[in-house]
Amino acid sequence: MMIIDTHHHLWQYNPVEFDWIDDEMAIIRKSFLPDDLQQTIKGTGIEQVITVQARQTLEETDWLLTLAEKHDFMKGVIGWVPLASPDLDSVLEKYKGNLWLKGVRHVVQGETDPEFILGQDFNNGITLLKEYDLLYEILIFEHQLPNSIRFVDKHPDQVFVLDHIAKPKIKTNEIKDWKNNMYELAKRDNVYCKLSGIVTEANYKTWNREQLQPYFDVVLKAFGPERLMFGSDWPVCLVATEYEQWVNIVRGIISGFSQTEQDQILFKNAQRVYNI
């Protein structure tokens, strides 16, 4: 069975640009490049990948697009562009027609202003994405869900993909508020959700599948197999799990679905959403 990994990163490590990698995550304080990923996915069923930005620079976007052009298994890039810039249109024009740029994202989870995602300049930028056939990936913490729902409602014709199921507080087994907001967000059929970045919201060393199950249950029911996609969040996931282990967990979680529904989650939705 083919699987498309819709969420992984590549980087050439340096401690300044990757200062978010703290001592608990020391295992990933090194470079991760396409050859490393190809070795990692051997035997896992992963045949194609979508590469997601890790730095908020146009240099990063250009670098990832160059790598995708050289590596056939890299089928798309989620880059970064200055969405709040008055010059955004000219920036997007530069990428018009690029076969590998599928969408963009901003690290909203790192913004200190709780109203950032509702900002006028930022939203003006979002309105341009559809003209360039680009989706937008939402990277937030769970407390940012209410404003993110309001944000999505401003753009009913824009395709959105939610990363890491909005990072619920799995470590402390909190679920009620996140669950209610996820069901509300999922009512918008222009929003898709990745089964990625889940294990790293739990305790890196003591998590187990049973602890993750209630969070899987929510997104499986809220979004259904028609709007869910597999993602590894490699190499970040390595602080808590091996790549193949995560693949097997997700396959086990969705094993109760029909083969057609499993195919949707594992590769067909990705083919459609990312135009692969």
Protein backbone atom coordinates (compact mmCIF):
# COMPACT_ATOMS: atom_id res chain seq x y z
CA MET A 1 0.00 0.00 0.00
CA MET A 2 1.43 3.34 -1.03
CA ILE A 3 1.69 6.11 1.55
CA ILE A 4 2.41 9.79 0.99
CA ASP A 5 4.06 11.56 3.91
CA THR A 6 2.50 15.03 3.80
CA HIS A 7 4.66 16.53 6.51
CA HIS A 8 8.40 16.37 6.98
CA HIS A 9 11.25 18.86 7.21
CA LEU A 10 14.77 19.19 5.86
CA TRP A 11 17.48 21.41 7.25
CA GLN A 12 21.17 22.16 7.46
CA TYR A 13 21.51 22.56 11.19
CA ASN A 14 22.95 25.58 12.90
CA PRO A 15 22.21 26.59 16.51
CA VAL A 16 21.10 30.13 15.68
CA GLU A 17 18.35 29.44 13.15
CA PHE A 18 17.24 26.30 14.98
CA ASP A 19 17.36 27.61 18.53
CA TRP A 20 13.90 26.08 19.14
CA ILE A 21 15.61 22.68 19.31
CA ASP A 22 16.14 22.57 23.07
CA ASP A 23 18.14 20.12 25.18
CA GLU A 24 15.23 17.67 25.35
CA MET A 25 15.38 17.51 21.56
CA ALA A 26 19.16 17.23 21.30
CA ILE A 27 18.86 14.12 19.13
CA ILE A 28 17.82 16.29 16.17
CA ARG A 29 20.59 18.88 16.54
CA LYS A 30 22.11 17.91 13.21
CA SER A 31 21.39 18.22 9.51
CA PHE A 32 18.62 16.24 7.82
CA LEU A 33 18.76 16.12 4.03
CA PRO A 34 16.96 14.22 1.24
CA ASP A 35 19.37 11.28 1.27
CA ASP A 36 18.77 10.85 5.02
CA LEU A 37 15.02 10.75 4.44
CA GLN A 38 15.30 8.27 1.57
CA GLN A 39 17.22 5.92 3.84
CA THR A 40 14.66 6.40 6.61
CA ILE A 41 11.59 5.61 4.51
CA LYS A 42 12.95 2.40 2.99
CA GLY A 43 10.60 -0.47 3.79
CA THR A 44 7.93 1.75 5.37
CA GLY A 45 5.59 2.03 2.39
CA ILE A 46 6.32 5.74 1.99
CA GLU A 47 6.85 6.48 -1.69
CA GLN A 48 6.32 10.23 -1.94
CA VAL A 49 6.63 13.21 0.40
CA ILE A 50 5.56 16.81 0.87
CA THR A 51 8.33 18.97 2.33
CA VAL A 52 7.39 21.72 4.79
CA GLN A 53 9.36 24.84 5.64
CA ALA A 54 11.23 25.07 8.93
CA ARG A 55 12.55 28.63 8.55
CA GLN A 56 10.56 31.75 7.75
CA THR A 57 12.66 33.05 4.88
CA LEU A 58 12.35 33.13 1.10
CA GLU A 59 15.81 31.56 1.04
CA GLU A 60 14.26 28.50 2.69
CA THR A 61 11.46 28.34 0.15
CA ASP A 62 13.91 28.57 -2.75
CA TRP A 63 16.21 25.95 -1.23
CA LEU A 64 13.39 23.44 -0.76
CA LEU A 65 12.10 24.00 -4.28
CA THR A 66 15.60 23.37 -5.64
CA LEU A 67 15.80 20.11 -3.69
CA ALA A 68 12.37 19.02 -4.90
CA GLU A 69 13.42 19.60 -8.50
CA LYS A 70 16.38 17.26 -7.99
CA HIS A 71 14.64 14.47 -6.04
CA ASP A 72 11.74 12.69 -7.69
CA PHE A 73 10.21 11.39 -4.44
CA MET A 74 9.72 14.98 -3.25
CA LYS A 75 6.37 15.85 -4.83
CA GLY A 76 5.66 19.22 -3.29
CA VAL A 77 6.81 22.02 -1.01
CA ILE A 78 4.97 24.08 1.59
CA GLY A 79 7.10 27.19 1.70
CA TRP A 80 7.07 30.54 3.42
CA VAL A 81 6.30 33.92 1.90
CA PRO A 82 5.81 37.33 3.58
CA LEU A 83 2.02 37.15 3.71
CA ALA A 84 1.62 40.52 5.45
CA SER A 85 3.86 42.37 3.00
CA PRO A 86 2.40 44.90 0.55
CA ASP A 87 4.78 43.39 -2.02
CA LEU A 88 3.33 39.89 -1.68
CA ASP A 89 1.78 39.89 -5.13
CA SER A 90 5.16 40.40 -6.79
CA VAL A 91 6.69 37.70 -4.59
CA LEU A 92 3.99 35.20 -5.56
CA GLU A 93 4.38 36.13 -9.21
CA LYS A 94 7.96 34.91 -9.00
CA TYR A 95 6.72 31.43 -8.10
CA LYS A 96 3.81 31.34 -10.54
CA GLY A 97 3.85 28.12 -12.48
CA ASN A 98 6.37 26.42 -10.19
CA LEU A 99 5.41 22.74 -10.24
CA TRP A 100 6.59 22.03 -6.70
CA LEU A 101 5.24 24.92 -4.64
CA LYS A 102 1.88 23.64 -3.38
CA GLY A 103 1.21 26.07 -0.57
CA VAL A 104 2.63 28.22 2.20
CA ARG A 105 2.46 28.49 5.97
CA HIS A 106 3.42 30.86 8.75
CA VAL A 107 4.48 29.76 12.24
CA VAL A 108 1.47 31.33 13.92
CA GLN A 109 2.12 29.21 17.03
CA GLY A 110 5.20 31.37 17.62
CA GLU A 111 3.40 34.72 17.43
CA THR A 112 2.93 36.43 20.79
CA ASP A 113 -0.02 38.51 19.59
CA PRO A 114 -3.16 36.35 20.10
CA GLU A 115 -4.89 38.34 17.34
CA PHE A 116 -2.09 37.84 14.80
CA ILE A 117 -4.03 35.43 12.61
CA LEU A 118 -6.88 37.94 12.36
CA GLY A 119 -4.62 40.84 11.33
CA GLN A 120 -5.70 42.79 8.27
CA ASP A 121 -2.39 42.71 6.41
CA PHE A 122 -1.97 38.99 7.02
CA ASN A 123 -5.48 38.27 5.79
CA ASN A 124 -5.00 40.48 2.75
CA GLY A 125 -2.13 38.17 1.88
CA ILE A 126 -4.24 35.05 2.35
CA THR A 127 -6.80 36.38 -0.15
CA LEU A 128 -4.13 36.30 -2.88
CA LEU A 129 -3.23 32.62 -2.48
CA LYS A 130 -6.18 31.23 -4.40
CA GLU A 131 -5.20 33.27 -7.45
CA TYR A 132 -1.91 31.36 -7.48
CA ASP A 133 -3.50 27.98 -6.70
CA LEU A 134 -1.75 27.77 -3.32
CA LEU A 135 -3.16 26.29 -0.14
CA TYR A 136 -2.40 27.56 3.36
CA GLU A 137 -1.26 25.34 6.22
CA ILE A 138 -2.34 26.33 9.74
CA LEU A 139 0.31 25.80 12.43
CA ILE A 140 -1.10 26.67 15.85
CA PHE A 141 -1.39 25.57 19.46
CA GLU A 142 -4.81 24.47 20.65
CA HIS A 143 -5.52 27.73 22.51
CA GLN A 144 -5.33 29.49 19.13
CA LEU A 145 -8.17 27.43 17.67
CA PRO A 146 -11.03 29.89 18.35
CA ASN A 147 -9.31 32.71 16.45
CA SER A 148 -8.24 30.26 13.75
CA ILE A 149 -11.88 29.32 13.20
CA ARG A 150 -12.70 33.01 12.74
CA PHE A 151 -9.74 33.27 10.37
CA VAL A 152 -10.94 30.36 8.23
CA ASP A 153 -14.41 31.91 8.05
CA LYS A 154 -12.90 34.97 6.38
CA HIS A 155 -11.77 32.78 3.47
CA PRO A 156 -14.50 30.26 2.58
CA ASP A 157 -13.00 29.55 -0.86
CA GLN A 158 -9.42 28.99 0.34
CA VAL A 159 -8.11 25.47 0.97
CA PHE A 160 -6.63 25.08 4.45
CA VAL A 161 -4.65 22.21 5.97
CA LEU A 162 -4.35 21.99 9.74
CA ASP A 163 -0.93 20.77 10.91
CA HIS A 164 -0.42 18.48 13.91
CA ILE A 165 -4.15 18.39 14.86
CA ALA A 166 -3.65 21.87 16.42
CA LYS A 167 -1.24 20.57 19.07
CA PRO A 168 -3.53 19.52 21.92
CA LYS A 169 -2.26 19.19 25.49
CA ILE A 170 -1.70 15.45 25.34
CA LYS A 171 1.05 15.55 27.95
CA THR A 172 -1.53 16.49 30.61
CA ASN A 173 -4.39 14.53 29.01
CA GLU A 174 -6.49 17.67 28.50
CA ILE A 175 -9.04 17.25 25.73
CA LYS A 176 -12.41 18.96 26.34
CA ASP A 177 -11.82 22.45 24.93
CA TRP A 178 -9.65 21.18 22.09
CA LYS A 179 -12.27 18.57 21.19
CA ASN A 180 -15.09 21.12 21.04
CA ASN A 181 -13.05 23.50 18.90
CA MET A 182 -11.91 20.74 16.55
CA TYR A 183 -15.48 19.65 15.91
CA GLU A 184 -16.37 23.26 15.20
CA LEU A 185 -13.43 23.78 12.82
CA ALA A 186 -14.19 20.54 10.99
CA LYS A 187 -17.63 21.88 10.02
CA ARG A 188 -15.76 23.91 7.38
CA ASP A 189 -15.31 21.55 4.46
CA ASN A 190 -12.43 23.59 3.03
CA VAL A 191 -10.26 22.50 5.98
CA TYR A 192 -8.18 19.30 5.92
CA CYS A 193 -6.18 17.86 8.80
CA LYS A 194 -2.87 16.01 9.05
CA LEU A 195 -2.31 13.07 11.36
CA SER A 196 1.11 14.44 12.23
CA GLY A 197 3.03 15.91 15.16
CA ILE A 198 0.81 14.13 17.66
CA VAL A 199 3.30 12.03 19.58
CA THR A 200 5.55 15.02 20.35
CA GLU A 201 2.70 16.74 22.20
CA ALA A 202 2.85 13.91 24.73
CA ASN A 203 5.74 13.15 27.08
CA TYR A 204 8.60 12.10 24.80
CA LYS A 205 9.61 9.16 26.97
CA THR A 206 6.44 7.89 28.64
CA TRP A 207 3.69 8.25 25.98
CA ASN A 208 1.79 5.23 24.75
CA ARG A 209 -0.76 4.53 22.07
CA GLU A 210 -3.62 4.37 24.57
CA GLN A 211 -2.89 7.96 25.61
CA LEU A 212 -3.03 9.10 21.98
CA GLN A 213 -6.19 7.17 21.10
CA PRO A 214 -8.79 9.72 22.35
CA TYR A 215 -7.18 12.44 20.23
CA PHE A 216 -7.18 10.21 17.17
CA ASP A 217 -10.83 9.37 17.86
CA VAL A 218 -11.79 13.05 17.77
CA VAL A 219 -10.12 13.88 14.45
CA LEU A 220 -11.21 10.64 12.81
CA LYS A 221 -14.81 11.41 13.65
CA ALA A 222 -14.66 15.17 13.09
CA PHE A 223 -12.91 15.20 9.71
CA GLY A 224 -13.57 11.67 8.50
CA PRO A 225 -11.34 9.76 6.08
CA GLU A 226 -12.24 12.23 3.30
CA ARG A 227 -10.25 15.08 4.90
CA LEU A 228 -7.41 13.43 6.80
CA MET A 229 -3.84 12.82 5.63
CA PHE A 230 -0.82 10.99 7.00
CA GLY A 231 2.20 13.00 8.13
CA SER A 232 5.33 12.01 10.05
CA ASP A 233 6.76 15.37 11.16
CA TRP A 234 10.20 13.80 10.62
CA PRO A 235 12.79 14.53 11.89
CA VAL A 236 11.04 16.27 14.81
CA CYS A 237 9.16 13.04 15.58
CA LEU A 238 12.48 11.34 16.36
CA VAL A 239 12.55 12.92 19.81
CA ALA A 240 9.66 10.60 20.74
CA THR A 241 9.36 7.82 18.15
CA GLU A 242 11.06 6.13 15.25
CA TYR A 243 9.68 6.86 11.79
CA GLU A 244 8.51 3.31 11.10
CA GLN A 245 6.85 3.10 14.52
CA TRP A 246 4.75 6.17 13.74
CA VAL A 247 3.73 4.74 10.36
CA ASN A 248 2.63 1.53 12.06
CA ILE A 249 0.69 3.38 14.76
CA VAL A 250 -1.31 5.37 12.22
CA ARG A 251 -1.94 2.29 10.08
CA GLY A 252 -3.15 0.46 13.16
CA ILE A 253 -5.38 3.33 14.25
CA ILE A 254 -7.14 3.49 10.87
CA SER A 255 -7.30 -0.26 10.31
CA GLY A 256 -10.99 -0.30 11.19
CA PHE A 257 -11.81 1.76 8.12
CA SER A 258 -12.51 0.19 4.74
CA GLN A 259 -9.63 -0.20 2.32
CA THR A 260 -10.98 2.69 0.27
CA GLU A 261 -11.07 4.93 3.35
CA GLN A 262 -7.57 3.91 4.42
CA ASP A 263 -6.33 4.74 0.92
CA GLN A 264 -7.89 8.17 1.23
CA ILE A 265 -5.99 8.91 4.44
CA LEU A 266 -2.71 7.35 3.35
CA PHE A 267 -2.37 8.79 -0.15
CA LYS A 268 -5.48 9.67 -2.16
CA ASN A 269 -6.39 12.82 -0.23
CA ALA A 270 -2.79 14.00 -0.52
CA GLN A 271 -2.81 13.43 -4.26
CA ARG A 272 -5.95 15.54 -4.56
CA VAL A 273 -5.09 18.31 -2.08
CA TYR A 274 -1.50 18.77 -3.27
CA ASN A 275 -2.26 18.09 -6.92
CA ILE A 276 0.32 15.33 -7.19
